[in-house]
Amino acid sequence: VQLQASGGGLVQAGRSLRLSCVASGSIFSINDMGWYRQAPGKQRELVASIRRDGGTNYVDSVKGRFTITRDNAKNTVYLQMNSLKPEDTATYYCNADVAGRDGYRNYWGQGTQVTVSS
């Protein structure tokens, strides 16, 4: 199983970006999916997560600005990021709990850089 993240880039404060992450491989089902981020010198933190039934959770700093969604048929999770701030600058990683041929495991994507200029 592999997770492939995309959609990062350099944007000005106040603008938007949409991240995507596709899971591929021998997948029976995917439970929780999420986005984490890590800024230089800081610990990786959970930004948002979404259950298979669509229930969501957000870190306080992005509530009202970011929206996580998923397409179960496409094994894909999205993160719509609006009103971006310089403090959102980080490498963003997708994460998923996958039931596959190798059993039930947690997987990470390779990371996509988001840079917000002031």
PDB file of N, CA and C in Angstrom:
ATOM      1  N   VAL A   1       0.855  -1.197   0.000  1.00  0.00           N
ATOM      2  CA  VAL A   1       0.000   0.000   0.000  1.00  0.00           C
ATOM      3  C   VAL A   1       0.881   1.234   0.000  1.00  0.00           C
ATOM      4  N   GLN A   2       0.528   2.209  -0.833  1.00  0.00           N
ATOM      5  CA  GLN A   2       1.250   3.479  -0.887  1.00  0.00           C
ATOM      6  C   GLN A   2       0.270   4.635  -0.813  1.00  0.00           C
ATOM      7  N   LEU A   3       0.712   5.714  -0.164  1.00  0.00           N
ATOM      8  CA  LEU A   3      -0.060   6.954  -0.136  1.00  0.00           C
ATOM      9  C   LEU A   3       0.721   8.005  -0.921  1.00  0.00           C
ATOM     10  N   GLN A   4       0.057   8.640  -1.878  1.00  0.00           N
ATOM     11  CA  GLN A   4       0.696   9.647  -2.714  1.00  0.00           C
ATOM     12  C   GLN A   4       0.000  10.981  -2.505  1.00  0.00           C
ATOM     13  N   ALA A   5       0.726  11.925  -1.899  1.00  0.00           N
ATOM     14  CA  ALA A   5       0.162  13.249  -1.628  1.00  0.00           C
ATOM     15  C   ALA A   5       0.577  14.237  -2.711  1.00  0.00           C
ATOM     16  N   SER A   6      -0.281  15.201  -2.959  1.00  0.00           N
ATOM     17  CA  SER A   6       0.002  16.242  -3.951  1.00  0.00           C
ATOM     18  C   SER A   6      -0.782  17.494  -3.608  1.00  0.00           C
ATOM     19  N   GLY A   7      -0.422  18.599  -4.280  1.00  0.00           N
ATOM     20  CA  GLY A   7      -1.189  19.829  -4.144  1.00  0.00           C
ATOM     21  C   GLY A   7      -0.518  20.935  -3.374  1.00  0.00           C
ATOM     22  N   GLY A   8       0.647  20.676  -2.810  1.00  0.00           N
ATOM     23  CA  GLY A   8       1.333  21.727  -2.080  1.00  0.00           C
ATOM     24  C   GLY A   8       1.876  22.798  -3.006  1.00  0.00           C
ATOM     25  N   GLY A   9       2.393  23.864  -2.402  1.00  0.00           N
ATOM     26  CA  GLY A   9       2.963  24.924  -3.207  1.00  0.00           C
ATOM     27  C   GLY A   9       3.234  26.166  -2.386  1.00  0.00           C
ATOM     28  N   LEU A  10       3.577  27.240  -3.102  1.00  0.00           N
ATOM     29  CA  LEU A  10       3.860  28.532  -2.486  1.00  0.00           C
ATOM     30  C   LEU A  10       2.702  29.474  -2.800  1.00  0.00           C
ATOM     31  N   VAL A  11       2.070  30.022  -1.761  1.00  0.00           N
ATOM     32  CA  VAL A  11       0.957  30.942  -1.953  1.00  0.00           C
ATOM     33  C   VAL A  11       1.094  32.116  -0.995  1.00  0.00           C
ATOM     34  N   GLN A  12       0.390  33.189  -1.319  1.00  0.00           N
ATOM     35  CA  GLN A  12       0.362  34.348  -0.436  1.00  0.00           C
ATOM     36  C   GLN A  12      -0.672  34.141   0.669  1.00  0.00           C
ATOM     37  N   ALA A  13      -0.469  34.802   1.753  1.00  0.00           N
ATOM     38  CA  ALA A  13      -1.418  34.735   2.858  1.00  0.00           C
ATOM     39  C   ALA A  13      -2.802  35.148   2.365  1.00  0.00           C
ATOM     40  N   GLY A  14      -3.807  34.419   2.857  1.00  0.00           N
ATOM     41  CA  GLY A  14      -5.183  34.681   2.470  1.00  0.00           C
ATOM     42  C   GLY A  14      -5.679  33.845   1.310  1.00  0.00           C
ATOM     43  N   ARG A  15      -4.757  33.214   0.590  1.00  0.00           N
ATOM     44  CA  ARG A  15      -5.144  32.399  -0.552  1.00  0.00           C
ATOM     45  C   ARG A  15      -5.464  30.967  -0.114  1.00  0.00           C
ATOM     46  N   SER A  16      -5.766  30.117  -1.092  1.00  0.00           N
ATOM     47  CA  SER A  16      -6.202  28.750  -0.804  1.00  0.00           C
ATOM     48  C   SER A  16      -5.331  27.725  -1.526  1.00  0.00           C
ATOM     49  N   LEU A  17      -5.302  26.538  -0.982  1.00  0.00           N
ATOM     50  CA  LEU A  17      -4.694  25.366  -1.608  1.00  0.00           C
ATOM     51  C   LEU A  17      -5.545  24.159  -1.297  1.00  0.00           C
ATOM     52  N   ARG A  18      -5.489  23.171  -2.176  1.00  0.00           N
ATOM     53  CA  ARG A  18      -6.181  21.914  -1.935  1.00  0.00           C
ATOM     54  C   ARG A  18      -5.184  20.773  -2.055  1.00  0.00           C
ATOM     55  N   LEU A  19      -5.037  20.030  -0.970  1.00  0.00           N
ATOM     56  CA  LEU A  19      -4.168  18.860  -0.965  1.00  0.00           C
ATOM     57  C   LEU A  19      -4.994  17.609  -1.259  1.00  0.00           C
ATOM     58  N   SER A  20      -4.358  16.681  -1.951  1.00  0.00           N
ATOM     59  CA  SER A  20      -4.982  15.391  -2.233  1.00  0.00           C
ATOM     60  C   SER A  20      -4.021  14.277  -1.835  1.00  0.00           C
ATOM     61  N   CYS A  21      -4.583  13.142  -1.453  1.00  0.00           N
ATOM     62  CA  CYS A  21      -3.768  11.977  -1.123  1.00  0.00           C
ATOM     63  C   CYS A  21      -4.510  10.724  -1.563  1.00  0.00           C
ATOM     64  N   VAL A  22      -3.874   9.970  -2.450  1.00  0.00           N
ATOM     65  CA  VAL A  22      -4.482   8.758  -2.983  1.00  0.00           C
ATOM     66  C   VAL A  22      -3.776   7.538  -2.420  1.00  0.00           C
ATOM     67  N   ALA A  23      -4.549   6.606  -1.923  1.00  0.00           N
ATOM     68  CA  ALA A  23      -4.014   5.329  -1.452  1.00  0.00           C
ATOM     69  C   ALA A  23      -4.158   4.304  -2.563  1.00  0.00           C
ATOM     70  N   SER A  24      -3.087   3.544  -2.795  1.00  0.00           N
ATOM     71  CA  SER A  24      -3.118   2.536  -3.849  1.00  0.00           C
ATOM     72  C   SER A  24      -2.471   1.250  -3.346  1.00  0.00           C
ATOM     73  N   GLY A  25      -2.790   0.161  -4.023  1.00  0.00           N
ATOM     74  CA  GLY A  25      -2.249  -1.135  -3.636  1.00  0.00           C
ATOM     75  C   GLY A  25      -3.373  -2.099  -3.306  1.00  0.00           C
ATOM     76  N   SER A  26      -3.015  -3.143  -2.576  1.00  0.00           N
ATOM     77  CA  SER A  26      -4.001  -4.155  -2.208  1.00  0.00           C
ATOM     78  C   SER A  26      -4.763  -3.689  -0.976  1.00  0.00           C
ATOM     79  N   ILE A  27      -5.897  -3.021  -1.214  1.00  0.00           N
ATOM     80  CA  ILE A  27      -6.669  -2.388  -0.142  1.00  0.00           C
ATOM     81  C   ILE A  27      -8.048  -3.021  -0.065  1.00  0.00           C
ATOM     82  N   PHE A  28      -8.411  -3.480   1.131  1.00  0.00           N
ATOM     83  CA  PHE A  28      -9.757  -3.986   1.362  1.00  0.00           C
ATOM     84  C   PHE A  28     -10.659  -2.850   1.833  1.00  0.00           C
ATOM     85  N   SER A  29     -10.167  -2.063   2.783  1.00  0.00           N
ATOM     86  CA  SER A  29     -10.926  -0.913   3.260  1.00  0.00           C
ATOM     87  C   SER A  29      -9.974   0.039   3.979  1.00  0.00           C
ATOM     88  N   ILE A  30     -10.402   1.287   4.094  1.00  0.00           N
ATOM     89  CA  ILE A  30      -9.631   2.307   4.812  1.00  0.00           C
ATOM     90  C   ILE A  30     -10.502   2.891   5.904  1.00  0.00           C
ATOM     91  N   ASN A  31     -10.010   2.893   7.105  1.00  0.00           N
ATOM     92  CA  ASN A  31     -10.759   3.490   8.221  1.00  0.00           C
ATOM     93  C   ASN A  31     -10.393   4.965   8.334  1.00  0.00           C
ATOM     94  N   ASP A  32      -9.757   5.372   9.421  1.00  0.00           N
ATOM     95  CA  ASP A  32      -9.421   6.780   9.589  1.00  0.00           C
ATOM     96  C   ASP A  32      -8.380   7.230   8.571  1.00  0.00           C
ATOM     97  N   MET A  33      -8.572   8.454   8.046  1.00  0.00           N
ATOM     98  CA  MET A  33      -7.584   9.110   7.198  1.00  0.00           C
ATOM     99  C   MET A  33      -7.322  10.492   7.792  1.00  0.00           C
ATOM    100  N   GLY A  34      -6.133  11.001   7.583  1.00  0.00           N
ATOM    101  CA  GLY A  34      -5.843  12.285   8.190  1.00  0.00           C
ATOM    102  C   GLY A  34      -4.692  13.019   7.527  1.00  0.00           C
ATOM    103  N   TRP A  35      -4.565  14.262   7.917  1.00  0.00           N
ATOM    104  CA  TRP A  35      -3.449  15.104   7.480  1.00  0.00           C
ATOM    105  C   TRP A  35      -2.709  15.602   8.711  1.00  0.00           C
ATOM    106  N   TYR A  36      -1.401  15.467   8.680  1.00  0.00           N
ATOM    107  CA  TYR A  36      -0.517  15.983   9.710  1.00  0.00           C
ATOM    108  C   TYR A  36       0.390  17.028   9.059  1.00  0.00           C
ATOM    109  N   ARG A  37       1.022  17.840   9.882  1.00  0.00           N
ATOM    110  CA  ARG A  37       2.007  18.776   9.352  1.00  0.00           C
ATOM    111  C   ARG A  37       3.166  18.912  10.330  1.00  0.00           C
ATOM    112  N   GLN A  38       4.305  19.245   9.750  1.00  0.00           N
ATOM    113  CA  GLN A  38       5.499  19.446  10.565  1.00  0.00           C
ATOM    114  C   GLN A  38       6.263  20.634  10.021  1.00  0.00           C
ATOM    115  N   ALA A  39       6.416  21.636  10.871  1.00  0.00           N
ATOM    116  CA  ALA A  39       7.203  22.821  10.530  1.00  0.00           C
ATOM    117  C   ALA A  39       8.625  22.626  11.048  1.00  0.00           C
ATOM    118  N   PRO A  40       9.594  23.315  10.482  1.00  0.00           N
ATOM    119  CA  PRO A  40      10.985  23.176  10.928  1.00  0.00           C
ATOM    120  C   PRO A  40      11.118  23.453  12.422  1.00  0.00           C
ATOM    121  N   GLY A  41      11.762  22.543  13.122  1.00  0.00           N
ATOM    122  CA  GLY A  41      11.994  22.713  14.545  1.00  0.00           C
ATOM    123  C   GLY A  41      10.803  22.397  15.424  1.00  0.00           C
ATOM    124  N   LYS A  42       9.723  21.924  14.830  1.00  0.00           N
ATOM    125  CA  LYS A  42       8.521  21.613  15.604  1.00  0.00           C
ATOM    126  C   LYS A  42       8.134  20.152  15.443  1.00  0.00           C
ATOM    127  N   GLN A  43       7.318  19.676  16.370  1.00  0.00           N
ATOM    128  CA  GLN A  43       6.839  18.309  16.293  1.00  0.00           C
ATOM    129  C   GLN A  43       5.732  18.199  15.254  1.00  0.00           C
ATOM    130  N   ARG A  44       5.580  17.013  14.713  1.00  0.00           N
ATOM    131  CA  ARG A  44       4.483  16.763  13.788  1.00  0.00           C
ATOM    132  C   ARG A  44       3.170  16.818  14.562  1.00  0.00           C
ATOM    133  N   GLU A  45       2.187  17.490  13.979  1.00  0.00           N
ATOM    134  CA  GLU A  45       0.897  17.618  14.644  1.00  0.00           C
ATOM    135  C   GLU A  45      -0.239  17.193  13.711  1.00  0.00           C
ATOM    136  N   LEU A  46      -1.295  16.681  14.312  1.00  0.00           N
ATOM    137  CA  LEU A  46      -2.484  16.324  13.549  1.00  0.00           C
ATOM    138  C   LEU A  46      -3.230  17.602  13.182  1.00  0.00           C
ATOM    139  N   VAL A  47      -3.501  17.775  11.912  1.00  0.00           N
ATOM    140  CA  VAL A  47      -4.249  18.922  11.435  1.00  0.00           C
ATOM    141  C   VAL A  47      -5.744  18.603  11.364  1.00  0.00           C
ATOM    142  N   ALA A  48      -6.059  17.476  10.743  1.00  0.00           N
ATOM    143  CA  ALA A  48      -7.456  17.089  10.586  1.00  0.00           C
ATOM    144  C   ALA A  48      -7.533  15.597  10.316  1.00  0.00           C
ATOM    145  N   SER A  49      -8.617  14.987  10.744  1.00  0.00           N
ATOM    146  CA  SER A  49      -8.838  13.573  10.476  1.00  0.00           C
ATOM    147  C   SER A  49     -10.296  13.356  10.115  1.00  0.00           C
ATOM    148  N   ILE A  50     -10.534  12.245   9.420  1.00  0.00           N
ATOM    149  CA  ILE A  50     -11.896  11.928   8.990  1.00  0.00           C
ATOM    150  C   ILE A  50     -12.092  10.421   9.070  1.00  0.00           C
ATOM    151  N   ARG A  51     -13.195  10.026   9.676  1.00  0.00           N
ATOM    152  CA  ARG A  51     -13.536   8.609   9.775  1.00  0.00           C
ATOM    153  C   ARG A  51     -14.180   8.142   8.471  1.00  0.00           C
ATOM    154  N   ARG A  52     -14.308   6.846   8.343  1.00  0.00           N
ATOM    155  CA  ARG A  52     -14.913   6.298   7.139  1.00  0.00           C
ATOM    156  C   ARG A  52     -16.360   6.782   6.983  1.00  0.00           C
ATOM    157  N   ASP A  53     -17.039   7.015   8.136  1.00  0.00           N
ATOM    158  CA  ASP A  53     -18.429   7.472   8.068  1.00  0.00           C
ATOM    159  C   ASP A  53     -18.546   8.981   7.867  1.00  0.00           C
ATOM    160  N   GLY A  54     -17.398   9.654   7.734  1.00  0.00           N
ATOM    161  CA  GLY A  54     -17.410  11.080   7.448  1.00  0.00           C
ATOM    162  C   GLY A  54     -17.220  11.981   8.652  1.00  0.00           C
ATOM    163  N   GLY A  55     -17.179  11.425   9.844  1.00  0.00           N
ATOM    164  CA  GLY A  55     -16.945  12.236  11.019  1.00  0.00           C
ATOM    165  C   GLY A  55     -15.556  12.858  10.988  1.00  0.00           C
ATOM    166  N   THR A  56     -15.466  14.117  11.386  1.00  0.00           N
ATOM    167  CA  THR A  56     -14.206  14.854  11.253  1.00  0.00           C
ATOM    168  C   THR A  56     -13.723  15.419  12.589  1.00  0.00           C
ATOM    169  N   ASN A  57     -12.427  15.725  12.604  1.00  0.00           N
ATOM    170  CA  ASN A  57     -11.804  16.341  13.770  1.00  0.00           C
ATOM    171  C   ASN A  57     -10.736  17.291  13.268  1.00  0.00           C
ATOM    172  N   TYR A  58     -10.624  18.490  13.892  1.00  0.00           N
ATOM    173  CA  TYR A  58      -9.657  19.486  13.468  1.00  0.00           C
ATOM    174  C   TYR A  58      -8.882  20.029  14.661  1.00  0.00           C
ATOM    175  N   VAL A  59      -7.634  20.392  14.430  1.00  0.00           N
ATOM    176  CA  VAL A  59      -6.893  21.143  15.434  1.00  0.00           C
ATOM    177  C   VAL A  59      -7.492  22.540  15.498  1.00  0.00           C
ATOM    178  N   ASP A  60      -7.490  23.138  16.670  1.00  0.00           N
ATOM    179  CA  ASP A  60      -8.171  24.424  16.854  1.00  0.00           C
ATOM    180  C   ASP A  60      -7.683  25.502  15.891  1.00  0.00           C
ATOM    181  N   SER A  61      -6.406  25.501  15.569  1.00  0.00           N
ATOM    182  CA  SER A  61      -5.831  26.582  14.772  1.00  0.00           C
ATOM    183  C   SER A  61      -6.331  26.610  13.330  1.00  0.00           C
ATOM    184  N   VAL A  62      -6.974  25.543  12.859  1.00  0.00           N
ATOM    185  CA  VAL A  62      -7.449  25.520  11.470  1.00  0.00           C
ATOM    186  C   VAL A  62      -8.964  25.455  11.372  1.00  0.00           C
ATOM    187  N   LYS A  63      -9.634  25.372  12.494  1.00  0.00           N
ATOM    188  CA  LYS A  63     -11.102  25.296  12.456  1.00  0.00           C
ATOM    189  C   LYS A  63     -11.684  26.522  11.768  1.00  0.00           C
ATOM    190  N   GLY A  64     -12.631  26.281  10.866  1.00  0.00           N
ATOM    191  CA  GLY A  64     -13.240  27.372  10.119  1.00  0.00           C
ATOM    192  C   GLY A  64     -12.483  27.763   8.869  1.00  0.00           C
ATOM    193  N   ARG A  65     -11.265  27.253   8.699  1.00  0.00           N
ATOM    194  CA  ARG A  65     -10.457  27.586   7.517  1.00  0.00           C
ATOM    195  C   ARG A  65     -10.169  26.351   6.659  1.00  0.00           C
ATOM    196  N   PHE A  66      -9.958  25.223   7.277  1.00  0.00           N
ATOM    197  CA  PHE A  66      -9.626  23.987   6.565  1.00  0.00           C
ATOM    198  C   PHE A  66     -10.809  23.038   6.607  1.00  0.00           C
ATOM    199  N   THR A  67     -10.957  22.264   5.524  1.00  0.00           N
ATOM    200  CA  THR A  67     -12.001  21.245   5.455  1.00  0.00           C
ATOM    201  C   THR A  67     -11.411  19.954   4.913  1.00  0.00           C
ATOM    202  N   ILE A  68     -11.599  18.878   5.662  1.00  0.00           N
ATOM    203  CA  ILE A  68     -11.144  17.567   5.212  1.00  0.00           C
ATOM    204  C   ILE A  68     -12.328  16.784   4.677  1.00  0.00           C
ATOM    205  N   THR A  69     -12.136  16.150   3.540  1.00  0.00           N
ATOM    206  CA  THR A  69     -13.161  15.299   2.941  1.00  0.00           C
ATOM    207  C   THR A  69     -12.487  14.046   2.391  1.00  0.00           C
ATOM    208  N   ARG A  70     -13.297  13.072   2.011  1.00  0.00           N
ATOM    209  CA  ARG A  70     -12.740  11.857   1.433  1.00  0.00           C
ATOM    210  C   ARG A  70     -13.698  11.279   0.417  1.00  0.00           C
ATOM    211  N   ASP A  71     -13.126  10.537  -0.509  1.00  0.00           N
ATOM    212  CA  ASP A  71     -13.901   9.805  -1.508  1.00  0.00           C
ATOM    213  C   ASP A  71     -13.543   8.339  -1.328  1.00  0.00           C
ATOM    214  N   ASN A  72     -14.411   7.592  -0.680  1.00  0.00           N
ATOM    215  CA  ASN A  72     -14.100   6.199  -0.372  1.00  0.00           C
ATOM    216  C   ASN A  72     -13.953   5.344  -1.635  1.00  0.00           C
ATOM    217  N   ALA A  73     -14.685   5.674  -2.679  1.00  0.00           N
ATOM    218  CA  ALA A  73     -14.596   4.902  -3.920  1.00  0.00           C
ATOM    219  C   ALA A  73     -13.237   5.076  -4.584  1.00  0.00           C
ATOM    220  N   LYS A  74     -12.609   6.224  -4.351  1.00  0.00           N
ATOM    221  CA  LYS A  74     -11.308   6.520  -4.949  1.00  0.00           C
ATOM    222  C   LYS A  74     -10.155   6.375  -3.960  1.00  0.00           C
ATOM    223  N   ASN A  75     -10.448   5.952  -2.738  1.00  0.00           N
ATOM    224  CA  ASN A  75      -9.409   5.824  -1.698  1.00  0.00           C
ATOM    225  C   ASN A  75      -8.598   7.106  -1.574  1.00  0.00           C
ATOM    226  N   THR A  76      -9.283   8.229  -1.570  1.00  0.00           N
ATOM    227  CA  THR A  76      -8.632   9.528  -1.598  1.00  0.00           C
ATOM    228  C   THR A  76      -9.151  10.415  -0.470  1.00  0.00           C
ATOM    229  N   VAL A  77      -8.222  11.168   0.112  1.00  0.00           N
ATOM    230  CA  VAL A  77      -8.576  12.159   1.121  1.00  0.00           C
ATOM    231  C   VAL A  77      -8.081  13.519   0.642  1.00  0.00           C
ATOM    232  N   TYR A  78      -8.861  14.550   0.931  1.00  0.00           N
ATOM    233  CA  TYR A  78      -8.550  15.909   0.511  1.00  0.00           C
ATOM    234  C   TYR A  78      -8.463  16.828   1.722  1.00  0.00           C
ATOM    235  N   LEU A  79      -7.705  17.903   1.565  1.00  0.00           N
ATOM    236  CA  LEU A  79      -7.672  18.947   2.572  1.00  0.00           C
ATOM    237  C   LEU A  79      -7.775  20.284   1.840  1.00  0.00           C
ATOM    238  N   GLN A  80      -8.939  20.918   1.966  1.00  0.00           N
ATOM    239  CA  GLN A  80      -9.132  22.241   1.398  1.00  0.00           C
ATOM    240  C   GLN A  80      -8.691  23.264   2.428  1.00  0.00           C
ATOM    241  N   MET A  81      -7.711  24.063   2.063  1.00  0.00           N
ATOM    242  CA  MET A  81      -7.132  25.034   2.999  1.00  0.00           C
ATOM    243  C   MET A  81      -7.421  26.438   2.479  1.00  0.00           C
ATOM    244  N   ASN A  82      -8.253  27.152   3.206  1.00  0.00           N
ATOM    245  CA  ASN A  82      -8.604  28.528   2.850  1.00  0.00           C
ATOM    246  C   ASN A  82      -8.010  29.511   3.859  1.00  0.00           C
ATOM    247  N   SER A  83      -7.965  30.761   3.468  1.00  0.00           N
ATOM    248  CA  SER A  83      -7.456  31.819   4.353  1.00  0.00           C
ATOM    249  C   SER A  83      -6.126  31.418   4.979  1.00  0.00           C
ATOM    250  N   LEU A  84      -5.219  30.965   4.150  1.00  0.00           N
ATOM    251  CA  LEU A  84      -3.936  30.477   4.652  1.00  0.00           C
ATOM    252  C   LEU A  84      -3.139  31.584   5.335  1.00  0.00           C
ATOM    253  N   LYS A  85      -2.403  31.184   6.360  1.00  0.00           N
ATOM    254  CA  LYS A  85      -1.584  32.094   7.143  1.00  0.00           C
ATOM    255  C   LYS A  85      -0.126  31.642   7.071  1.00  0.00           C
ATOM    256  N   PRO A  86       0.825  32.553   7.289  1.00  0.00           N
ATOM    257  CA  PRO A  86       2.235  32.139   7.286  1.00  0.00           C
ATOM    258  C   PRO A  86       2.512  31.008   8.274  1.00  0.00           C
ATOM    259  N   GLU A  87       1.788  30.972   9.386  1.00  0.00           N
ATOM    260  CA  GLU A  87       2.024  29.909  10.378  1.00  0.00           C
ATOM    261  C   GLU A  87       1.519  28.547   9.918  1.00  0.00           C
ATOM    262  N   ASP A  88       0.832  28.490   8.778  1.00  0.00           N
ATOM    263  CA  ASP A  88       0.442  27.203   8.207  1.00  0.00           C
ATOM    264  C   ASP A  88       1.578  26.580   7.389  1.00  0.00           C
ATOM    265  N   THR A  89       2.655  27.310   7.216  1.00  0.00           N
ATOM    266  CA  THR A  89       3.800  26.791   6.463  1.00  0.00           C
ATOM    267  C   THR A  89       4.368  25.557   7.143  1.00  0.00           C
ATOM    268  N   ALA A  90       4.447  24.470   6.381  1.00  0.00           N
ATOM    269  CA  ALA A  90       4.924  23.200   6.916  1.00  0.00           C
ATOM    270  C   ALA A  90       4.939  22.163   5.797  1.00  0.00           C
ATOM    271  N   THR A  91       5.521  21.020   6.109  1.00  0.00           N
ATOM    272  CA  THR A  91       5.343  19.857   5.238  1.00  0.00           C
ATOM    273  C   THR A  91       4.124  19.102   5.728  1.00  0.00           C
ATOM    274  N   TYR A  92       3.215  18.833   4.809  1.00  0.00           N
ATOM    275  CA  TYR A  92       1.964  18.161   5.143  1.00  0.00           C
ATOM    276  C   TYR A  92       2.040  16.695   4.725  1.00  0.00           C
ATOM    277  N   TYR A  93       1.635  15.830   5.644  1.00  0.00           N
ATOM    278  CA  TYR A  93       1.682  14.384   5.421  1.00  0.00           C
ATOM    279  C   TYR A  93       0.289  13.794   5.563  1.00  0.00           C
ATOM    280  N   CYS A  94      -0.071  12.916   4.634  1.00  0.00           N
ATOM    281  CA  CYS A  94      -1.317  12.195   4.806  1.00  0.00           C
ATOM    282  C   CYS A  94      -1.044  10.865   5.515  1.00  0.00           C
ATOM    283  N   ASN A  95      -2.090  10.365   6.137  1.00  0.00           N
ATOM    284  CA  ASN A  95      -1.986   9.172   6.962  1.00  0.00           C
ATOM    285  C   ASN A  95      -3.275   8.383   6.837  1.00  0.00           C
ATOM    286  N   ALA A  96      -3.165   7.064   6.868  1.00  0.00           N
ATOM    287  CA  ALA A  96      -4.375   6.256   6.745  1.00  0.00           C
ATOM    288  C   ALA A  96      -4.226   4.927   7.465  1.00  0.00           C
ATOM    289  N   ASP A  97      -5.310   4.478   8.049  1.00  0.00           N
ATOM    290  CA  ASP A  97      -5.387   3.144   8.647  1.00  0.00           C
ATOM    291  C   ASP A  97      -6.042   2.230   7.607  1.00  0.00           C
ATOM    292  N   VAL A  98      -5.251   1.270   7.107  1.00  0.00           N
ATOM    293  CA  VAL A  98      -5.670   0.482   5.956  1.00  0.00           C
ATOM    294  C   VAL A  98      -5.757  -0.994   6.294  1.00  0.00           C
ATOM    295  N   ALA A  99      -6.861  -1.603   5.899  1.00  0.00           N
ATOM    296  CA  ALA A  99      -6.981  -3.055   5.954  1.00  0.00           C
ATOM    297  C   ALA A  99      -6.671  -3.574   4.552  1.00  0.00           C
ATOM    298  N   GLY A 100      -5.565  -4.298   4.445  1.00  0.00           N
ATOM    299  CA  GLY A 100      -5.152  -4.783   3.137  1.00  0.00           C
ATOM    300  C   GLY A 100      -4.646  -6.207   3.207  1.00  0.00           C
ATOM    301  N   ARG A 101      -3.954  -6.591   2.152  1.00  0.00           N
ATOM    302  CA  ARG A 101      -3.447  -7.954   2.062  1.00  0.00           C
ATOM    303  C   ARG A 101      -2.461  -8.262   3.184  1.00  0.00           C
ATOM    304  N   ASP A 102      -1.747  -7.231   3.655  1.00  0.00           N
ATOM    305  CA  ASP A 102      -0.761  -7.399   4.723  1.00  0.00           C
ATOM    306  C   ASP A 102      -1.361  -7.233   6.104  1.00  0.00           C
ATOM    307  N   GLY A 103      -2.675  -7.187   6.184  1.00  0.00           N
ATOM    308  CA  GLY A 103      -3.329  -6.998   7.464  1.00  0.00           C
ATOM    309  C   GLY A 103      -3.717  -5.552   7.690  1.00  0.00           C
ATOM    310  N   TYR A 104      -3.976  -5.196   8.954  1.00  0.00           N
ATOM    311  CA  TYR A 104      -4.417  -3.838   9.297  1.00  0.00           C
ATOM    312  C   TYR A 104      -3.196  -3.040   9.729  1.00  0.00           C
ATOM    313  N   ARG A 105      -2.860  -1.999   8.934  1.00  0.00           N
ATOM    314  CA  ARG A 105      -1.660  -1.226   9.210  1.00  0.00           C
ATOM    315  C   ARG A 105      -1.907   0.258   9.014  1.00  0.00           C
ATOM    316  N   ASN A 106      -0.997   1.048   9.586  1.00  0.00           N
ATOM    317  CA  ASN A 106      -1.028   2.503   9.428  1.00  0.00           C
ATOM    318  C   ASN A 106       0.043   2.918   8.422  1.00  0.00           C
ATOM    319  N   TYR A 107      -0.324   3.789   7.495  1.00  0.00           N
ATOM    320  CA  TYR A 107       0.595   4.200   6.435  1.00  0.00           C
ATOM    321  C   TYR A 107       0.720   5.729   6.398  1.00  0.00           C
ATOM    322  N   TRP A 108       1.897   6.185   5.935  1.00  0.00           N
ATOM    323  CA  TRP A 108       2.173   7.607   5.744  1.00  0.00           C
ATOM    324  C   TRP A 108       2.473   7.886   4.276  1.00  0.00           C
ATOM    325  N   GLY A 109       2.041   9.064   3.823  1.00  0.00           N
ATOM    326  CA  GLY A 109       2.448   9.547   2.519  1.00  0.00           C
ATOM    327  C   GLY A 109       3.814  10.216   2.611  1.00  0.00           C
ATOM    328  N   GLN A 110       4.328  10.675   1.479  1.00  0.00           N
ATOM    329  CA  GLN A 110       5.694  11.176   1.409  1.00  0.00           C
ATOM    330  C   GLN A 110       5.820  12.633   1.818  1.00  0.00           C
ATOM    331  N   GLY A 111       4.734  13.354   1.995  1.00  0.00           N
ATOM    332  CA  GLY A 111       4.808  14.753   2.382  1.00  0.00           C
ATOM    333  C   GLY A 111       4.751  15.682   1.196  1.00  0.00           C
ATOM    334  N   THR A 112       4.067  16.800   1.374  1.00  0.00           N
ATOM    335  CA  THR A 112       4.007  17.835   0.345  1.00  0.00           C
ATOM    336  C   THR A 112       4.175  19.186   1.046  1.00  0.00           C
ATOM    337  N   GLN A 113       5.029  20.028   0.482  1.00  0.00           N
ATOM    338  CA  GLN A 113       5.395  21.285   1.133  1.00  0.00           C
ATOM    339  C   GLN A 113       4.358  22.368   0.851  1.00  0.00           C
ATOM    340  N   VAL A 114       3.938  23.030   1.909  1.00  0.00           N
ATOM    341  CA  VAL A 114       3.068  24.194   1.810  1.00  0.00           C
ATOM    342  C   VAL A 114       3.812  25.382   2.407  1.00  0.00           C
ATOM    343  N   THR A 115       3.988  26.420   1.604  1.00  0.00           N
ATOM    344  CA  THR A 115       4.664  27.629   2.059  1.00  0.00           C
ATOM    345  C   THR A 115       3.742  28.818   1.837  1.00  0.00           C
ATOM    346  N   VAL A 116       3.484  29.555   2.921  1.00  0.00           N
ATOM    347  CA  VAL A 116       2.581  30.711   2.852  1.00  0.00           C
ATOM    348  C   VAL A 116       3.399  31.966   3.145  1.00  0.00           C
ATOM    349  N   SER A 117       3.445  32.858   2.179  1.00  0.00           N
ATOM    350  CA  SER A 117       4.201  34.095   2.347  1.00  0.00           C
ATOM    351  C   SER A 117       3.294  35.200   2.868  1.00  0.00           C
ATOM    352  N   SER A 118       3.891  36.104   3.622  1.00  0.00           N
ATOM    353  CA  SER A 118       3.104  37.201   4.212  1.00  0.00           C
ATOM    354  C   SER A 118       3.045  38.399   3.291  1.00  0.00           C
TER     355      SER A 118
END
